[in-house]
Amino acid sequence: MRRRKEPSLTFTFIFISILAFFIQPLPFLSYLEFVPAYALSRPWSFITSIFLHANFAHLFFNMFALFVFGSYLEVRIRKIDFLILFFLAGIFGNFAYLLTNVNGTIPAVGASGAIYGILGALAIIYPTLVVWVGYVPMPMIFAAIFWIILNFFGLFTPSNIAYQAHLAGIFVGIVFGYWIKRRGAYFKYY
């Protein structure tokens, strides 16, 4: 009998994010935020900013999405693939923010790029998986298309949301999902 896999990386990322949220008011932690103007002098911030969040609502919704989608995907692919996907999508999300705001001094924080990477991979590996978008159930592939369109139009709406990080994350996830699917390195059940 095969032992059931647990989403340990997902829980670890959630734990680190919650812990970081409670110690975030410490002054030195501002050096962990991703600030495009300081990206070259603070290269670690491409990673550390993934675990920081702007406020409780930001933390809550990101961790809820990470729990739901991360838990589902992590137990169906190799742990190393999940780890690589999470960090690649998060890093590329920050890189996309940098490209669109090279000298910007407004920090970007949050796991959204990494979570969108998970969504993109799920859309490719399990396109018929039914998820709820608001009160509407839809296949994962359509949900991903909806989120891409929503974030694309968000680029043209003034806000404090780094839509470019979301888009970069989901596209990394799509490419990574194709790579995993091509290798057959996933469980073929729901």
Foldseek 3Di string as FASTA:
>chain_A
DDDQDFLVVLVVLLVLLVVCAVVVVPVVCVLLFQFLQCCVVNVNNLQSLASYADDDVQSVVQSVLSCVLVRVFCRWFDVVLLVCLQSVQSSQLSVQVCVVANNGGDTDHHSLSSSLLSLLLCCLQFQQDWDDDPNDIGGSVVVNVVLLVVLVVVVVPDDPDSSSSSNSSNVSSNVSSVVCVVVVRTDPDD
